[in-house]
Protein backbone atom coordinates (compact mmCIF):
# COMPACT_ATOMS: atom_id res chain seq x y z
CA MET A 1 -27.82 -11.00 6.91
CA GLU A 2 -26.02 -9.06 4.60
CA TRP A 3 -26.80 -10.53 0.92
CA GLY A 4 -23.06 -10.99 0.12
CA LYS A 5 -22.82 -13.51 3.03
CA VAL A 6 -26.07 -14.86 1.56
CA VAL A 7 -24.04 -15.42 -1.61
CA ASN A 8 -21.34 -16.76 -0.16
CA THR A 9 -23.49 -19.78 2.16
CA ILE A 10 -25.19 -20.48 -1.34
CA SER A 11 -21.29 -20.72 -2.93
CA GLY A 12 -20.57 -23.02 -0.17
CA ALA A 13 -23.37 -25.63 -0.54
CA ALA A 14 -23.69 -25.13 -4.46
CA PRO A 15 -20.71 -23.83 -6.03
CA LEU A 16 -22.28 -23.51 -9.65
CA ILE A 17 -25.08 -21.89 -8.43
CA GLY A 18 -23.08 -19.22 -6.44
CA SER A 19 -20.78 -18.54 -9.22
CA LEU A 20 -23.87 -16.88 -10.96
CA PHE A 21 -24.00 -14.47 -8.60
CA GLY A 22 -20.12 -13.15 -9.04
CA PRO A 23 -18.23 -12.34 -5.90
CA ALA A 24 -20.37 -11.75 -2.81
CA GLY A 25 -23.07 -11.31 -4.91
CA THR A 26 -22.01 -8.58 -7.06
CA ALA A 27 -23.39 -9.33 -10.58
CA VAL A 28 -26.40 -7.76 -11.91
CA GLY A 29 -28.31 -8.41 -14.92
CA ALA A 30 -30.08 -11.38 -16.70
CA VAL A 31 -27.95 -14.06 -15.27
CA ALA A 32 -27.88 -12.77 -11.79
CA SER A 33 -31.66 -12.60 -11.94
CA ALA A 34 -31.63 -16.19 -13.45
CA GLY A 35 -29.58 -17.08 -10.53
CA LEU A 36 -32.12 -15.96 -7.96
CA LYS A 37 -34.84 -17.42 -9.67
CA LEU A 38 -32.80 -20.81 -9.56
CA VAL A 39 -32.21 -20.43 -5.77
CA ALA A 40 -35.83 -19.31 -5.05
CA THR A 41 -37.40 -22.54 -7.01
CA ALA A 42 -34.83 -24.67 -4.89
CA LEU A 43 -35.95 -23.49 -1.59
CA GLY A 44 -39.27 -22.69 -2.55
CA VAL A 45 -39.85 -19.50 -1.87
CA GLU A 46 -40.38 -16.17 -3.87
CA ALA A 47 -37.77 -15.21 -5.86
CA THR A 48 -36.54 -12.25 -3.95
CA GLN A 49 -33.30 -11.68 -2.13
CA ASP A 50 -35.49 -11.30 0.90
CA ALA A 51 -37.35 -14.24 0.68
CA VAL A 52 -34.10 -16.17 -0.23
CA THR A 53 -32.28 -14.83 2.87
CA ALA A 54 -34.99 -15.72 5.02
CA ALA A 55 -34.84 -19.39 4.05
CA ILE A 56 -31.27 -19.78 4.19
CA VAL A 57 -31.33 -18.20 7.43
CA THR A 58 -34.11 -20.37 9.01
CA ASP A 59 -33.85 -23.36 7.22
CA PRO A 60 -31.60 -25.81 8.32
CA GLY A 61 -32.16 -28.06 5.34
CA ALA A 62 -31.50 -24.96 2.67
CA ALA A 63 -27.53 -26.25 1.75
CA LEU A 64 -28.82 -29.73 1.26
CA LYS A 65 -31.62 -28.27 -0.95
CA LEU A 66 -29.35 -26.29 -3.03
CA LYS A 67 -26.74 -29.03 -3.58
CA GLU A 68 -29.42 -31.39 -4.41
CA PHE A 69 -30.90 -29.00 -6.99
CA GLU A 70 -27.38 -28.11 -8.62
CA MET A 71 -26.96 -31.79 -8.92
CA THR A 72 -30.09 -32.55 -11.07
CA ASN A 73 -29.66 -29.13 -12.97
CA LYS A 74 -26.20 -29.54 -13.69
CA LEU A 75 -25.92 -29.02 -17.64
CA GLU A 76 -28.18 -25.57 -17.07
CA LEU A 77 -26.28 -24.01 -14.43
CA GLN A 78 -22.85 -24.65 -16.50
CA LYS A 79 -24.74 -22.73 -19.46
CA LEU A 80 -25.76 -20.05 -17.22
CA SER A 81 -22.09 -20.11 -15.88
CA ILE A 82 -20.70 -19.78 -19.14
CA GLN A 83 -22.71 -17.05 -20.31
CA GLN A 84 -21.67 -15.10 -16.95
CA LEU A 85 -18.29 -15.70 -17.68
CA GLY A 86 -19.20 -13.95 -21.47
CA LEU A 87 -20.40 -10.93 -19.82
CA GLU A 88 -17.42 -10.24 -17.47
CA LEU A 89 -14.89 -10.69 -20.39
CA ALA A 90 -17.07 -8.34 -22.52
CA ASP A 91 -16.94 -6.03 -19.97
CA THR A 92 -12.79 -6.09 -19.62
CA ALA A 93 -12.84 -5.83 -23.32
CA ASN A 94 -15.02 -2.65 -23.48
CA ALA A 95 -12.72 -0.89 -20.92
CA ARG A 96 -10.05 -1.54 -23.12
CA ASN A 97 -11.81 -0.92 -26.35
CA ARG A 98 -12.92 2.44 -24.84
CA GLN A 99 -8.98 3.50 -24.32
CA ILE A 100 -8.21 2.25 -27.83
CA GLU A 101 -11.06 3.99 -29.41
CA HIS A 102 -10.48 7.34 -27.63
CA GLU A 103 -6.90 6.82 -28.88
CA ARG A 104 -7.64 6.27 -32.30
CA VAL A 105 -10.04 9.16 -32.49
CA THR A 106 -8.25 12.01 -30.62
CA GLY A 107 -4.48 10.73 -31.95
CA LYS A 108 -3.81 10.89 -28.11
CA SER A 109 -3.53 8.85 -25.13
CA ASP A 110 -5.97 9.33 -22.26
CA ILE A 111 -3.54 11.31 -19.67
CA ASN A 112 -6.27 11.10 -16.86
CA LEU A 113 -5.80 7.44 -16.78
CA TYR A 114 -2.45 7.15 -16.68
CA VAL A 115 -2.00 9.98 -14.08
CA LEU A 116 -4.94 8.11 -12.06
CA ALA A 117 -2.81 4.55 -12.25
CA TRP A 118 0.62 6.24 -11.22
CA VAL A 119 -1.13 8.13 -8.45
CA PHE A 120 -2.53 4.82 -6.86
CA VAL A 121 0.59 2.87 -7.44
CA SER A 122 3.11 5.67 -6.07
CA GLY A 123 0.30 5.88 -3.26
CA PHE A 124 0.54 2.51 -2.30
CA PHE A 125 4.17 2.33 -2.15
CA ILE A 126 4.82 5.46 -0.31
CA THR A 127 2.18 4.47 2.09
CA ILE A 128 4.20 0.94 2.57
CA ILE A 129 7.18 2.43 2.91
CA THR A 130 6.27 5.53 5.48
CA LEU A 131 4.14 2.75 7.67
CA PHE A 132 7.41 0.43 7.76
CA VAL A 133 9.92 3.47 8.59
CA CYS A 134 7.11 4.47 11.53
CA THR A 135 6.89 0.90 12.71
CA MET A 136 11.24 0.70 12.77
CA MET A 137 11.21 4.23 14.46
CA GLY A 138 8.57 3.12 17.28
CA ALA A 139 5.95 6.03 16.13
CA PHE A 140 3.12 3.58 16.94
CA LYS A 141 2.55 2.83 20.77
CA ALA A 142 0.26 1.01 22.92
CA ASP A 143 -1.56 4.63 23.38
CA THR A 144 -1.85 5.30 19.53
CA PRO A 145 -5.63 5.82 19.32
CA GLN A 146 -7.95 3.51 17.58
CA ILE A 147 -9.35 5.53 15.00
CA ALA A 148 -5.87 6.39 13.32
CA ILE A 149 -4.96 2.84 13.14
CA ILE A 150 -8.62 2.07 11.62
CA LEU A 151 -8.29 4.87 9.36
CA LEU A 152 -4.37 4.02 8.11
CA THR A 153 -5.92 0.02 7.79
CA GLY A 154 -8.71 1.73 5.43
CA VAL A 155 -6.15 4.02 3.30
CA ILE A 156 -4.21 0.59 2.73
CA GLN A 157 -7.02 -1.37 1.83
CA CYS A 158 -8.23 0.77 -0.53
CA LEU A 159 -4.80 1.71 -2.16
CA THR A 160 -4.33 -1.98 -2.10
CA LEU A 161 -7.33 -2.83 -4.17
CA GLY A 162 -6.49 0.29 -6.51
CA VAL A 163 -3.12 -1.17 -7.51
CA GLY A 164 -4.82 -4.22 -8.23
CA VAL A 165 -7.46 -3.12 -10.52
CA VAL A 166 -4.44 -1.05 -11.93
CA LEU A 167 -2.22 -3.93 -12.63
CA GLN A 168 -5.24 -5.88 -13.76
CA TYR A 169 -6.35 -2.91 -16.44
CA PHE A 170 -3.14 -2.58 -18.12
CA PHE A 171 -1.18 -5.86 -17.63
CA GLY A 172 -4.26 -8.27 -18.49
CA SER A 173 -5.65 -10.88 -16.82
CA SER A 174 -3.84 -13.88 -15.36
CA LYS A 175 -3.34 -17.69 -17.40
CA GLY A 176 -6.63 -18.95 -15.87
CA SER A 177 -8.90 -16.12 -17.18
CA ASN A 178 -7.08 -16.88 -20.57
CA GLU A 179 -7.95 -20.62 -20.26
CA LYS A 180 -11.84 -19.12 -20.02
CA THR A 181 -11.72 -17.20 -22.90
CA ASN A 182 -10.34 -20.17 -24.90
CA LEU A 183 -13.45 -22.48 -23.16
CA LEU A 184 -16.16 -19.80 -24.29
CA ALA A 185 -14.67 -20.06 -27.45
CA LYS A 186 -15.20 -23.65 -27.79
CA ALA A 187 -18.59 -23.78 -26.17
CA ASP A 188 -21.77 -24.30 -28.21
CA PRO A 189 -23.75 -21.22 -28.14
CA ILE A 190 -26.76 -21.47 -25.74
CA LYS A 191 -30.05 -21.90 -27.47
CA GLU A 192 -33.52 -20.44 -25.78
């Protein structure tokens, strides 16, 4: 079983613990390591991805163990979750600060950033419009090679993801993220 699926299983059973791993297990660093240790402790296995994966796959009571562990350690898990959110927000701030610093030092905008953004956004709309026109003209028939459809689907997925990232970078985050920022500002510092 892939690690992303294991994290989804953990998130389903214990959402607070699952949040420490980021989307599909993409988180890295101290918080993700702490999450792995917590899951391993709850399942009674070694703190490695392989051991946790094996326990999730083979132990029918794994979800119940994780849920119980989460209930008894809720405060500590919330502290770790806030720490993880702080790291994610700092990463976003670093990306924007990089742009601001570059413009301050050089006196110019980073043209590559804008060119890449426009390529993704225009590529997305050109691909969607072309696909629509081709569909209306009957270009796709039952005998269209499967590999062509798979490649086209992959291109659309890549462009869709890229457009989402571009919009997130240039236009900021959602209202929910702003609320999280406010919660972080009000939270007590974590004492070790």
